[in-house]
Protein backbone atom coordinates (compact mmCIF):
# COMPACT_ATOMS: atom_id res chain seq x y z
CA UNK A 1 -22.49 20.68 9.02
CA UNK A 2 -21.98 18.28 6.13
CA UNK A 3 -24.08 15.10 5.99
CA UNK A 4 -23.58 11.87 4.00
CA UNK A 5 -25.27 8.48 4.01
CA UNK A 6 -23.55 5.16 4.68
CA UNK A 7 -25.25 1.76 4.84
CA UNK A 8 -28.59 3.47 5.20
CA UNK A 9 -27.50 5.52 8.23
CA UNK A 10 -26.87 9.23 8.41
CA UNK A 11 -23.37 10.35 9.39
CA UNK A 12 -22.86 13.98 10.35
CA UNK A 13 -19.44 15.59 10.19
CA UNK A 14 -19.22 17.83 13.24
CA UNK A 15 -18.19 21.47 12.82
CA UNK A 16 -15.49 21.13 15.51
CA UNK A 17 -14.33 17.63 14.51
CA UNK A 18 -11.90 15.74 16.67
CA UNK A 19 -12.14 18.30 19.47
CA UNK A 20 -12.66 18.36 23.22
CA UNK A 21 -15.02 20.94 24.74
CA UNK A 22 -15.84 21.64 28.42
CA UNK A 23 -18.89 19.81 29.78
CA UNK A 24 -19.31 21.46 33.15
CA UNK A 25 -18.33 19.89 36.45
CA UNK A 26 -19.47 16.97 38.54
CA UNK A 27 -21.05 17.66 41.91
CA UNK A 28 -17.87 16.33 43.55
CA UNK A 29 -14.18 15.86 42.82
CA UNK A 30 -13.56 12.26 41.70
CA UNK A 31 -10.81 9.94 40.47
CA UNK A 32 -10.63 6.13 40.44
CA UNK A 33 -14.42 6.16 40.10
CA UNK A 34 -16.65 4.35 37.60
CA UNK A 35 -18.96 5.66 34.87
CA UNK A 36 -21.66 3.47 33.34
CA UNK A 37 -24.03 4.23 30.47
CA UNK A 38 -27.63 3.64 31.56
CA UNK A 39 -30.37 2.26 29.31
CA UNK A 40 -31.91 5.74 28.97
CA UNK A 41 -28.64 7.27 27.71
CA UNK A 42 -27.63 8.97 30.95
CA UNK A 43 -24.34 8.15 32.70
CA UNK A 44 -24.01 7.00 36.31
CA UNK A 45 -20.79 8.06 38.06
CA UNK A 46 -20.03 6.30 41.34
CA UNK A 47 -17.53 6.59 44.18
CA UNK A 48 -13.83 7.25 43.75
CA UNK A 49 -11.32 9.48 45.53
CA UNK A 50 -12.56 12.82 46.87
CA UNK A 51 -10.91 16.19 47.36
CA UNK A 52 -9.07 15.12 50.52
CA UNK A 53 -8.05 11.67 49.26
CA UNK A 54 -10.99 10.07 51.04
CA UNK A 55 -13.14 7.32 49.55
CA UNK A 56 -16.54 8.48 48.30
CA UNK A 57 -19.93 6.87 48.80
CA UNK A 58 -21.69 9.46 46.67
CA UNK A 59 -22.96 9.07 43.11
CA UNK A 60 -24.31 11.35 40.40
CA UNK A 61 -25.90 11.19 36.96
CA UNK A 62 -24.91 13.03 33.79
CA UNK A 63 -27.74 13.82 31.39
CA UNK A 64 -26.56 14.48 27.80
CA UNK A 65 -29.85 16.17 26.96
CA UNK A 66 -29.24 18.92 29.53
CA UNK A 67 -25.46 18.70 29.81
CA UNK A 68 -25.73 18.68 33.61
CA UNK A 69 -24.66 16.52 36.54
CA UNK A 70 -27.15 15.76 39.31
CA UNK A 71 -26.51 14.02 42.63
CA UNK A 72 -28.31 10.74 43.22
CA UNK A 73 -28.46 8.23 46.10
CA UNK A 74 -25.38 7.25 48.13
CA UNK A 75 -23.82 3.84 48.56
CA UNK A 76 -23.70 2.25 51.99
CA UNK A 77 -19.90 2.02 51.72
CA UNK A 78 -17.33 4.42 50.25
CA UNK A 79 -15.30 2.73 47.50
CA UNK A 80 -12.80 3.30 44.69
CA UNK A 81 -11.37 0.91 42.09
CA UNK A 82 -14.63 -1.00 42.26
CA UNK A 83 -16.59 -2.39 39.30
CA UNK A 84 -19.85 -1.10 37.86
CA UNK A 85 -21.90 -3.35 35.57
CA UNK A 86 -25.16 -2.68 33.75
CA UNK A 87 -27.55 -5.61 34.34
CA UNK A 88 -30.19 -6.72 31.79
CA UNK A 89 -33.00 -5.13 33.80
CA UNK A 90 -31.29 -1.72 33.82
CA UNK A 91 -29.96 -1.85 37.37
CA UNK A 92 -26.22 -1.42 38.10
CA UNK A 93 -24.11 -3.87 40.11
CA UNK A 94 -21.39 -2.15 42.16
CA UNK A 95 -18.89 -4.64 43.60
CA UNK A 96 -15.69 -4.62 45.65
CA UNK A 97 -13.14 -1.84 45.59
CA UNK A 98 -11.28 -0.10 48.40
CA UNK A 99 -12.77 2.21 51.05
CA UNK A 100 -9.30 3.46 52.03
CA UNK A 101 -7.43 0.42 53.32
CA UNK A 102 -8.04 -3.24 52.50
CA UNK A 103 -10.33 -4.29 49.67
CA UNK A 104 -14.05 -4.92 50.11
CA UNK A 105 -16.24 -7.98 49.61
CA UNK A 106 -19.49 -6.04 49.77
CA UNK A 107 -21.67 -5.28 46.75
CA UNK A 108 -24.63 -3.00 46.09
CA UNK A 109 -27.21 -2.53 43.33
CA UNK A 110 -28.30 0.85 41.99
CA UNK A 111 -31.87 1.27 40.74
CA UNK A 112 -32.14 4.16 38.23
CA UNK A 113 -35.91 4.39 38.67
CA UNK A 114 -35.65 5.20 42.39
CA UNK A 115 -32.13 6.61 42.40
CA UNK A 116 -31.18 4.42 45.36
CA UNK A 117 -28.58 1.80 46.26
CA UNK A 118 -29.45 -1.42 48.08
CA UNK A 119 -27.29 -4.21 49.45
CA UNK A 120 -26.91 -7.50 47.60
CA UNK A 121 -24.89 -10.64 48.35
CA UNK A 122 -21.20 -10.35 49.19
CA UNK A 123 -18.34 -11.35 46.92
CA UNK A 124 -16.70 -14.64 47.86
CA UNK A 125 -13.32 -12.89 47.78
CA UNK A 126 -12.56 -9.23 48.63
CA UNK A 127 -10.99 -7.46 45.65
CA UNK A 128 -10.32 -4.15 43.98
CA UNK A 129 -9.05 -3.19 40.54
CA UNK A 130 -10.87 -6.17 39.06
CA UNK A 131 -13.08 -6.60 35.98
CA UNK A 132 -16.82 -7.38 35.95
CA UNK A 133 -18.36 -8.55 32.67
CA UNK A 134 -22.01 -9.21 31.82
CA UNK A 135 -22.27 -12.61 30.12
CA UNK A 136 -24.88 -13.68 27.57
CA UNK A 137 -26.64 -15.63 30.36
CA UNK A 138 -27.33 -12.39 32.24
CA UNK A 139 -24.88 -13.34 34.98
CA UNK A 140 -21.79 -11.26 35.80
CA UNK A 141 -18.28 -12.69 35.71
CA UNK A 142 -15.92 -11.18 38.32
CA UNK A 143 -12.23 -11.85 37.82
CA UNK A 144 -8.80 -10.47 38.54
CA UNK A 145 -7.98 -7.63 40.84
CA UNK A 146 -6.04 -7.77 44.07
CA UNK A 147 -6.78 -8.49 47.70
CA UNK A 148 -4.00 -8.57 50.31
CA UNK A 149 -2.49 -10.96 51.23
CA UNK A 150 -3.24 -12.67 47.89
CA UNK A 151 -0.83 -10.56 45.79
CA UNK A 152 0.71 -11.51 43.42
CA UNK A 153 -1.83 -14.32 42.77
CA UNK A 154 -5.21 -12.76 42.00
CA UNK A 155 -8.42 -13.78 43.78
CA UNK A 156 -10.32 -16.67 42.14
CA UNK A 157 -13.02 -15.92 39.57
CA UNK A 158 -16.68 -15.88 40.59
CA UNK A 159 -20.10 -15.30 39.05
CA UNK A 160 -22.97 -13.10 40.24
CA UNK A 161 -26.57 -14.15 39.58
CA UNK A 162 -28.89 -11.09 39.48
CA UNK A 163 -31.90 -13.36 40.02
CA UNK A 164 -30.69 -14.60 43.41
CA UNK A 165 -28.26 -11.84 44.35
CA UNK A 166 -25.61 -14.48 45.10
CA UNK A 167 -21.95 -14.74 44.10
CA UNK A 168 -20.67 -18.28 43.50
CA UNK A 169 -17.41 -19.91 42.45
CA UNK A 170 -16.65 -20.71 38.83
CA UNK A 171 -13.75 -22.46 37.07
CA UNK A 172 -10.12 -22.11 38.19
CA UNK A 173 -7.66 -19.98 36.25
CA UNK A 174 -5.49 -21.74 33.72
CA UNK A 175 -2.51 -20.04 35.38
CA UNK A 176 -2.29 -17.67 38.30
CA UNK A 177 -0.11 -14.57 38.24
CA UNK A 178 -0.39 -10.94 39.08
CA UNK A 179 0.59 -7.51 37.83
CA UNK A 180 0.64 -3.91 39.00
CA UNK A 181 -0.94 -2.45 35.85
CA UNK A 182 -3.23 -5.24 34.67
CA UNK A 183 -5.35 -4.62 31.56
CA UNK A 184 -9.07 -5.26 31.99
CA UNK A 185 -10.59 -8.54 30.86
CA UNK A 186 -12.53 -8.17 27.60
CA UNK A 187 -15.72 -9.85 26.38
CA UNK A 188 -15.07 -11.29 22.92
CA UNK A 189 -17.59 -11.45 20.07
CA UNK A 190 -17.96 -15.21 20.66
CA UNK A 191 -19.21 -14.62 24.21
CA UNK A 192 -15.99 -15.90 25.75
CA UNK A 193 -13.81 -13.62 27.90
CA UNK A 194 -10.14 -12.78 27.34
CA UNK A 195 -8.30 -12.56 30.68
CA UNK A 196 -4.94 -11.03 29.84
CA UNK A 197 -2.11 -9.52 31.85
CA UNK A 198 -1.35 -12.68 33.79
CA UNK A 199 1.74 -14.88 33.44
CA UNK A 200 -0.16 -16.44 30.56
CA UNK A 201 -3.22 -14.94 28.92
CA UNK A 202 -6.32 -17.13 29.07
CA UNK A 203 -9.88 -17.33 27.81
CA UNK A 204 -12.95 -18.07 29.96
CA UNK A 205 -15.68 -20.22 28.37
CA UNK A 206 -19.04 -19.51 30.09
CA UNK A 207 -20.70 -22.69 28.77
CA UNK A 208 -18.17 -24.91 30.55
CA UNK A 209 -16.83 -22.50 33.20
CA UNK A 210 -13.32 -23.39 32.01
CA UNK A 211 -10.27 -21.15 31.54
CA UNK A 212 -7.97 -22.19 28.69
CA UNK A 213 -4.50 -20.77 28.03
CA UNK A 214 -3.96 -18.69 24.92
CA UNK A 215 -1.05 -16.71 23.43
CA UNK A 216 1.51 -14.69 25.36
CA UNK A 217 1.30 -10.90 25.39
CA UNK A 218 3.65 -8.15 26.48
CA UNK A 219 3.60 -7.82 30.30
CA UNK A 220 3.88 -4.03 29.95
CA UNK A 221 0.48 -3.21 28.43
CA UNK A 222 -2.35 -2.05 30.69
CA UNK A 223 -5.32 -0.73 28.66
CA UNK A 224 -7.54 -2.75 26.33
CA UNK A 225 -10.70 -2.60 24.25
CA UNK A 226 -12.56 -4.73 21.72
CA UNK A 227 -12.48 -3.65 18.05
CA UNK A 228 -15.41 -4.09 15.62
CA UNK A 229 -13.40 -6.73 13.71
CA UNK A 230 -13.36 -8.93 16.83
CA UNK A 231 -9.73 -8.32 17.71
CA UNK A 232 -8.62 -6.73 20.98
CA UNK A 233 -6.37 -3.66 21.09
CA UNK A 234 -3.88 -3.31 23.96
CA UNK A 235 -2.00 0.01 24.18
CA UNK A 236 0.24 1.76 26.68
CA UNK A 237 1.34 0.74 30.15
CA UNK A 238 4.46 0.42 32.29
CA UNK A 239 7.57 -1.76 32.34
CA UNK A 240 10.80 0.13 33.01
CA UNK A 241 8.97 3.35 32.23
CA UNK A 242 5.73 4.45 30.60
CA UNK A 243 5.18 2.58 27.33
CA UNK A 244 3.84 3.59 23.91
CA UNK A 245 3.68 0.07 22.45
CA UNK A 246 0.46 -1.58 21.25
CA UNK A 247 -0.61 -5.14 20.40
CA UNK A 248 -3.61 -6.88 18.87
CA UNK A 249 -5.10 -10.16 20.09
CA UNK A 250 -6.72 -12.25 17.36
CA UNK A 251 -9.26 -14.78 18.72
CA UNK A 252 -9.07 -16.73 15.44
CA UNK A 253 -5.35 -17.47 15.86
CA UNK A 254 -5.23 -17.08 19.66
CA UNK A 255 -2.12 -14.94 19.19
CA UNK A 256 -0.87 -11.47 20.13
CA UNK A 257 0.92 -9.40 17.48
CA UNK A 258 2.45 -5.93 17.51
CA UNK A 259 0.66 -3.02 15.86
CA UNK A 260 1.57 0.64 15.47
CA UNK A 261 2.73 2.37 18.65
CA UNK A 262 1.13 5.43 20.18
CA UNK A 263 2.79 8.77 19.53
CA UNK A 264 3.36 9.25 23.27
CA UNK A 265 4.12 6.76 26.06
CA UNK A 266 1.27 6.73 28.55
CA UNK A 267 -0.35 4.80 31.39
CA UNK A 268 -3.56 5.36 33.41
CA UNK A 269 -5.09 6.65 30.17
CA UNK A 270 -8.45 5.68 28.66
CA UNK A 271 -9.13 3.65 25.50
CA UNK A 272 -12.58 4.22 24.03
CA UNK A 273 -13.85 2.55 20.82
CA UNK A 274 -15.71 4.99 18.59
CA UNK A 275 -18.69 4.18 16.32
CA UNK A 276 -16.60 4.59 13.15
CA UNK A 277 -14.32 1.71 14.25
CA UNK A 278 -11.44 3.83 15.52
CA UNK A 279 -10.28 4.05 19.15
CA UNK A 280 -9.67 7.18 21.24
CA UNK A 281 -6.64 7.09 23.58
CA UNK A 282 -6.79 10.05 25.97
CA UNK A 283 -4.71 11.44 28.80
CA UNK A 284 -2.62 9.43 31.24
CA UNK A 285 0.87 10.10 32.52
CA UNK A 286 4.06 10.03 30.48
CA UNK A 287 7.88 10.08 30.54
CA UNK A 288 10.48 12.45 29.23
CA UNK A 289 13.36 10.53 27.67
CA UNK A 290 16.91 11.49 26.69
CA UNK A 291 19.09 8.73 25.34
CA UNK A 292 18.59 5.64 27.50
CA UNK A 293 17.23 7.60 30.47
CA UNK A 294 13.54 8.33 31.05
CA UNK A 295 11.98 10.28 33.91
CA UNK A 296 8.37 10.79 34.97
CA UNK A 297 7.05 13.89 33.22
CA UNK A 298 3.58 14.17 34.72
CA UNK A 299 0.03 13.97 33.39
CA UNK A 300 -0.84 14.88 29.81
CA UNK A 301 -3.85 16.38 28.03
CA UNK A 302 -2.89 14.90 24.67
CA UNK A 303 -5.03 12.37 22.81
CA UNK A 304 -4.69 10.21 19.72
CA UNK A 305 -6.85 7.91 17.61
CA UNK A 306 -6.05 4.35 16.49
CA UNK A 307 -7.20 3.35 13.01
CA UNK A 308 -7.49 -0.48 12.73
CA UNK A 309 -7.41 -0.43 8.92
CA UNK A 310 -4.04 1.34 8.99
CA UNK A 311 -2.74 -0.22 12.19
CA UNK A 312 -1.58 3.22 13.33
CA UNK A 313 -2.25 5.99 15.85
CA UNK A 314 -2.62 9.63 14.78
CA UNK A 315 -2.92 12.73 17.00
CA UNK A 316 -6.29 14.36 17.58
CA UNK A 317 -7.34 17.41 19.59
CA UNK A 318 -6.03 17.78 23.16
CA UNK A 319 -8.22 17.65 26.25
CA UNK A 320 -9.03 20.91 27.98
CA UNK A 321 -6.81 19.83 30.89
CA UNK A 322 -4.38 17.00 31.78
CA UNK A 323 -5.98 14.02 33.52
CA UNK A 324 -5.38 10.37 34.36
CA UNK A 325 -7.41 7.66 36.13
CA UNK A 326 -10.48 9.36 34.66
CA UNK A 327 -13.50 7.76 33.00
CA UNK A 328 -14.36 7.86 29.28
CA UNK A 329 -17.91 6.89 28.30
CA UNK A 330 -19.26 6.57 24.76
CA UNK A 331 -22.64 8.33 24.63
CA UNK A 332 -25.51 7.30 22.37
CA UNK A 333 -24.92 10.27 20.06
CA UNK A 334 -21.33 9.17 19.35
CA UNK A 335 -19.56 11.68 21.59
CA UNK A 336 -17.36 10.64 24.53
CA UNK A 337 -17.83 11.96 28.07
CA UNK A 338 -14.48 12.38 29.87
CA UNK A 339 -14.99 12.93 33.60
CA UNK A 340 -12.85 13.45 36.67
CA UNK A 341 -9.41 12.00 37.22
CA UNK A 342 -6.27 13.44 38.78
CA UNK A 343 -3.04 15.02 37.57
CA UNK A 344 0.65 15.38 38.36
CA UNK A 345 2.98 18.14 37.22
CA UNK A 346 6.03 15.92 37.57
CA UNK A 347 7.94 14.16 40.33
CA UNK A 348 6.53 15.27 43.68
CA UNK A 349 4.00 17.66 42.15
CA UNK A 350 0.42 16.42 42.69
CA UNK A 351 -2.49 18.62 41.72
CA UNK A 352 -5.13 16.28 43.14
CA UNK A 353 -8.41 15.07 41.70
CA UNK A 354 -10.80 17.16 39.64
CA UNK A 355 -14.55 17.57 39.25
CA UNK A 356 -14.33 18.86 35.68
CA UNK A 357 -15.67 17.04 32.63
CA UNK A 358 -15.42 17.43 28.87
CA UNK A 359 -16.85 16.00 25.67
CA UNK A 360 -14.90 14.62 22.74
CA UNK A 361 -16.57 15.02 19.36
CA UNK A 362 -15.02 12.56 16.84
CA UNK A 363 -14.02 13.60 13.35
CA UNK A 364 -16.94 11.48 12.08
CA UNK A 365 -19.91 11.76 14.41
CA UNK A 366 -21.88 8.49 14.16
CA UNK A 367 -24.76 7.84 16.58
CA UNK A 368 -23.64 4.75 18.50
CA UNK A 369 -26.87 2.70 18.50
CA UNK A 370 -27.36 2.91 14.71
CA UNK A 371 -24.11 1.38 13.52
CA UNK A 372 -22.15 0.19 16.49
CA UNK A 373 -22.41 -2.69 18.95
CA UNK A 374 -19.33 -3.33 21.02
CA UNK A 375 -19.63 -6.68 22.72
CA UNK A 376 -23.15 -7.29 23.90
CA UNK A 377 -22.26 -6.21 27.44
CA UNK A 378 -24.94 -3.54 27.44
CA UNK A 379 -22.45 -0.75 28.14
CA UNK A 380 -21.78 0.53 24.65
CA UNK A 381 -18.38 1.76 25.77
CA UNK A 382 -14.77 0.72 26.10
CA UNK A 383 -12.48 0.46 29.11
CA UNK A 384 -13.66 2.04 31.80
CA UNK A 385 -10.83 2.54 33.76
CA UNK A 386 -8.95 0.85 33.10
CA UNK A 387 -14.63 0.69 33.38
CA UNK A 388 -14.50 0.30 30.94
CA UNK A 389 -15.73 0.56 33.30
CA UNK A 390 -16.65 -0.37 33.16
CA UNK A 391 -16.16 0.54 31.80
CA UNK A 392 -15.34 -1.89 29.28
CA UNK A 393 -15.55 -1.51 31.22
CA UNK A 394 -15.78 -2.72 31.89
CA UNK A 395 -13.83 1.02 32.66
CA UNK A 396 -15.35 -1.01 32.95
CA UNK A 397 -14.13 -0.16 33.78
CA UNK A 398 -12.40 2.69 35.48
CA UNK A 399 -10.30 3.00 32.38
CA UNK A 400 -7.38 1.21 33.85
CA UNK A 401 -8.76 -1.33 36.23
CA UNK A 402 -7.55 -4.83 35.58
């Protein structure tokens, strides 16, 4: 292993750079779940779809020091496409989602010290596929998502106060739209929140609880993450087929501009910012195109890395298996934990969800806490689902939740 020094920090070049390696299996099959980095460096994985397509109430913890998954307490309610947010005191807020049918208004809090979930106040509006973002005040902004019969307009935004356990209303959206593959909202370096994917993108200002309209973006893009330079990368999604396009949002100009496209069209993939400033795009489903005709080609194992200084994506190692609607969590040592998800072999060929996990080792392995701070949300990771989640999701976000 070769080692160099940069800005007073040690950077180790891994022997198997830019590669995915198996990381064992979770205790249960999961997709549409959340994964959240805890303060002690472990990862909490919650809920999702199980082996029979049922909603899960179970949760487990991945420990990088042992490389193992261990079951922990269960939620009171099964849920998928929920949000999972690390609070300042180290607890995790789990909110909304779907048990199997209509969306939920219930919320629970996980305590890592006891390994248990406990009820907290209910959301004002049932929702799933939303984004939950920890603000500088310590409160959590909940926005977006869907809740029948509200579609296409999304449920109003609200704020959770960890001190009181109460959700309350906040400012009204600058415009109200809806989308099937919404990108997650993103906490900007200024502490404001970019809420994209609507008829008009908008920015939430916590100090005034006001949403203000900003530039227009492509309606096709569905994954997003904050870059170290303060811009936001959007990549992949769906319009008339799976999309490879990418855009950058610049808070200074309040404008969206095209950047280099991915090498492969994909949706339901993950976007994870790495400590060296690049972004890992992994998995998802794709199309096979001939002339002007494209058809669904199933789930892919391929991955690529976006370099902001070049404005371009380049291929990296492939995952050990195809997966989509998985979670991708940046660990404190600079590796990325890819867990769960599901896969399709093509039209009408569904392989179901998986319990397997793997680790991505970047070409330049930089310990995350030494050189990298994403957005002050306490997660140290990108879109979790669409968190992140969480997970930035949040993941946050699952990697594709909007």
